[in-house]
Amino acid sequence: VVMSDLLKEKQQRKEKRGVKVPSNERDYYDSITVSYIDELGHHDDNARIAPTMENTYQMGPHKRFPSPAVTDILKDVLTSYLQEERYEVEWSQKMTKTLCEVIRARVKDLMIPRYKIVVLVHIGQLTGQSMQISSRCLWDASNDTFASYSFKNSSLFGVATVYAVYFE
């Protein structure tokens, strides 16, 4: 008795959605699989299929992040962009963004796979003050690393740091 009530409810729901339901119960039981597949097909129209990727089981990098090469990039970029400049507030705001983009592009050109790159640049005025820059990160000390370089001329200072975080 309970089973027939459930079947009637299902039949009524399907009729509301416009699905044709067989009239007798025996034909209905034979078409349950088809109806189930039709219902799955109905839901699949809206779902996005996520690409499945096989696990590489690679727990560490094949190629280590070349910190000395990145330090050379930082030295070259900071020196070439800031050597002859005088400190100005508006200029320094735009220049930090420009330097970050240039450094990130040059580090990406090294083609080091599976590392996420974070670039920070600080520019400040030299007026006899002192400044300390520090950072804290949660990372894997065996694979993650950083490179940093400080530049100074008569008017300003610049500090650039690149963090390389290994992505498993």
Protein backbone atom coordinates (compact mmCIF):
# COMPACT_ATOMS: atom_id res chain seq x y z
CA VAL A 1 0.00 0.00 0.00
CA VAL A 2 2.81 2.42 0.89
CA MET A 3 4.70 1.52 -2.31
CA SER A 4 1.73 2.32 -4.51
CA ASP A 5 1.30 5.71 -2.77
CA LEU A 6 4.95 6.52 -3.49
CA LEU A 7 4.54 5.48 -7.12
CA LYS A 8 1.48 7.70 -7.47
CA GLU A 9 3.37 10.68 -6.02
CA LYS A 10 6.26 10.10 -8.43
CA GLN A 11 3.86 9.77 -11.33
CA GLN A 12 2.14 13.04 -10.41
CA ARG A 13 5.48 14.90 -10.12
CA LYS A 14 6.61 13.62 -13.51
CA GLU A 15 3.33 14.57 -15.14
CA LYS A 16 3.76 18.10 -13.77
CA ARG A 17 7.22 18.28 -15.39
CA GLY A 18 5.81 16.97 -18.66
CA VAL A 19 7.38 13.48 -18.52
CA LYS A 20 5.20 10.77 -20.05
CA VAL A 21 4.41 8.05 -17.50
CA PRO A 22 3.04 4.58 -18.46
CA SER A 23 -0.50 3.91 -17.32
CA ASN A 24 -0.16 0.49 -15.69
CA GLU A 25 2.25 -0.26 -12.87
CA ARG A 26 4.07 -3.14 -14.62
CA ASP A 27 5.11 -0.85 -17.49
CA TYR A 28 6.03 1.76 -14.90
CA TYR A 29 8.42 -0.62 -13.14
CA ASP A 30 10.01 -1.47 -16.51
CA SER A 31 10.60 2.21 -17.24
CA ILE A 32 12.03 3.21 -13.87
CA THR A 33 15.59 3.07 -15.15
CA VAL A 34 14.73 5.14 -18.17
CA SER A 35 12.98 7.70 -15.98
CA TYR A 36 15.96 7.77 -13.63
CA ILE A 37 18.33 8.35 -16.51
CA ASP A 38 16.03 11.06 -17.83
CA GLU A 39 16.08 12.74 -14.44
CA LEU A 40 19.89 12.61 -14.35
CA GLY A 41 20.04 14.03 -17.85
CA HIS A 42 17.78 16.86 -16.74
CA HIS A 43 20.18 17.83 -13.94
CA ASP A 44 23.30 17.46 -16.10
CA ASP A 45 22.15 20.29 -18.37
CA ASN A 46 22.87 22.86 -15.66
CA ALA A 47 25.93 21.25 -14.08
CA ARG A 48 29.41 22.14 -15.27
CA ILE A 49 31.77 19.28 -15.80
CA ALA A 50 34.99 19.84 -13.89
CA PRO A 51 38.11 18.55 -15.61
CA THR A 52 39.63 15.65 -13.77
CA MET A 53 43.38 15.63 -13.52
CA GLU A 54 45.46 12.70 -12.50
CA ASN A 55 47.55 13.00 -9.38
CA THR A 56 51.25 13.36 -10.13
CA TYR A 57 52.36 12.23 -6.67
CA GLN A 58 55.08 14.87 -6.93
CA MET A 59 55.79 16.16 -3.45
CA GLY A 60 58.69 18.44 -4.31
CA PRO A 61 59.97 20.52 -7.21
CA HIS A 62 62.05 19.00 -9.99
CA LYS A 63 63.87 22.32 -10.30
CA ARG A 64 64.60 24.50 -7.28
CA PHE A 65 63.70 28.19 -7.35
CA PRO A 66 66.84 30.11 -8.40
CA SER A 67 67.06 32.76 -5.68
CA PRO A 68 70.42 34.18 -6.89
CA ALA A 69 69.04 34.70 -10.42
CA VAL A 70 65.94 36.41 -9.01
CA THR A 71 68.12 38.63 -6.80
CA ASP A 72 70.01 39.68 -9.95
CA ILE A 73 66.68 40.55 -11.60
CA LEU A 74 65.67 42.63 -8.59
CA LYS A 75 69.02 44.46 -8.59
CA ASP A 76 68.80 45.16 -12.32
CA VAL A 77 65.20 46.41 -12.25
CA LEU A 78 65.53 48.59 -9.14
CA THR A 79 68.80 50.11 -10.33
CA SER A 80 67.60 50.86 -13.85
CA TYR A 81 64.25 52.35 -12.78
CA LEU A 82 65.28 54.24 -9.62
CA GLN A 83 68.90 55.34 -10.27
CA GLU A 84 68.20 58.92 -11.41
CA GLU A 85 64.81 59.47 -9.77
CA ARG A 86 63.84 61.92 -7.02
CA TYR A 87 61.20 60.95 -4.45
CA GLU A 88 57.64 62.17 -5.09
CA VAL A 89 54.55 60.76 -3.42
CA GLU A 90 52.30 60.33 -6.48
CA TRP A 91 55.17 59.05 -8.61
CA SER A 92 56.17 56.44 -6.02
CA GLN A 93 52.63 55.03 -5.85
CA LYS A 94 52.60 54.45 -9.61
CA MET A 95 56.22 53.29 -9.71
CA THR A 96 55.68 50.53 -7.10
CA LYS A 97 52.94 49.01 -9.29
CA THR A 98 55.09 49.29 -12.39
CA LEU A 99 58.09 47.71 -10.67
CA CYS A 100 55.95 44.84 -9.37
CA GLU A 101 54.65 44.09 -12.87
CA VAL A 102 58.12 44.27 -14.45
CA ILE A 103 59.69 42.06 -11.78
CA ARG A 104 56.87 39.51 -11.94
CA ALA A 105 57.15 39.32 -15.75
CA ARG A 106 60.92 38.85 -15.62
CA VAL A 107 60.66 36.13 -12.94
CA LYS A 108 57.91 34.37 -14.93
CA ASP A 109 60.25 34.39 -17.96
CA LEU A 110 62.55 32.05 -16.00
CA MET A 111 59.83 29.38 -16.55
CA ILE A 112 60.05 27.77 -13.12
CA PRO A 113 57.13 25.31 -12.93
CA ARG A 114 54.73 24.90 -10.01
CA TYR A 115 55.76 28.00 -8.08
CA LYS A 116 53.38 30.81 -7.21
CA ILE A 117 55.11 34.18 -7.29
CA VAL A 118 54.33 37.10 -4.96
CA VAL A 119 56.12 40.41 -5.54
CA LEU A 120 56.28 43.28 -3.04
CA VAL A 121 57.96 46.63 -3.66
CA HIS A 122 58.37 49.45 -1.13
CA ILE A 123 59.59 52.93 -2.07
CA GLY A 124 60.24 55.61 0.53
CA GLN A 125 61.92 58.97 1.00
CA LEU A 126 65.37 59.21 2.56
CA THR A 127 65.17 61.82 5.30
CA GLY A 128 67.38 60.30 7.98
CA GLN A 129 64.70 57.98 9.30
CA SER A 130 64.93 54.28 9.90
CA MET A 131 62.60 51.60 8.62
CA GLN A 132 62.27 47.88 9.14
CA ILE A 133 60.28 45.63 6.83
CA SER A 134 59.33 42.20 8.05
CA SER A 135 56.91 39.50 6.98
CA ARG A 136 55.44 36.30 8.31
CA CYS A 137 54.26 33.40 6.20
CA LEU A 138 53.06 29.89 6.68
CA TRP A 139 55.10 27.84 4.26
CA ASP A 140 57.18 24.76 3.68
CA ALA A 141 60.77 25.66 4.50
CA SER A 142 62.16 22.86 2.31
CA ASN A 143 60.46 24.07 -0.93
CA ASP A 144 59.34 27.69 -0.48
CA THR A 145 61.83 30.53 -0.66
CA PHE A 146 62.29 34.25 -1.29
CA ALA A 147 64.69 36.76 -2.78
CA SER A 148 65.12 40.37 -1.70
CA TYR A 149 67.14 43.41 -2.73
CA SER A 150 67.44 46.94 -1.32
CA PHE A 151 68.35 49.99 -3.39
CA LYS A 152 69.25 53.50 -2.21
CA ASN A 153 70.11 56.77 -3.95
CA SER A 154 70.37 60.34 -2.58
CA SER A 155 66.59 60.89 -2.46
CA LEU A 156 64.86 57.55 -1.99
CA PHE A 157 65.13 53.89 -1.12
CA GLY A 158 63.48 50.89 -2.70
CA VAL A 159 63.05 47.38 -1.33
CA ALA A 160 61.79 44.55 -3.55
CA THR A 161 60.95 41.07 -2.33
CA VAL A 162 59.84 38.04 -4.34
CA TYR A 163 58.25 35.11 -2.53
CA ALA A 164 58.18 31.76 -4.31
CA VAL A 165 55.64 29.32 -2.86
CA TYR A 166 55.67 25.79 -4.20
CA PHE A 167 52.27 24.55 -5.41
CA GLU A 168 51.77 20.77 -5.12
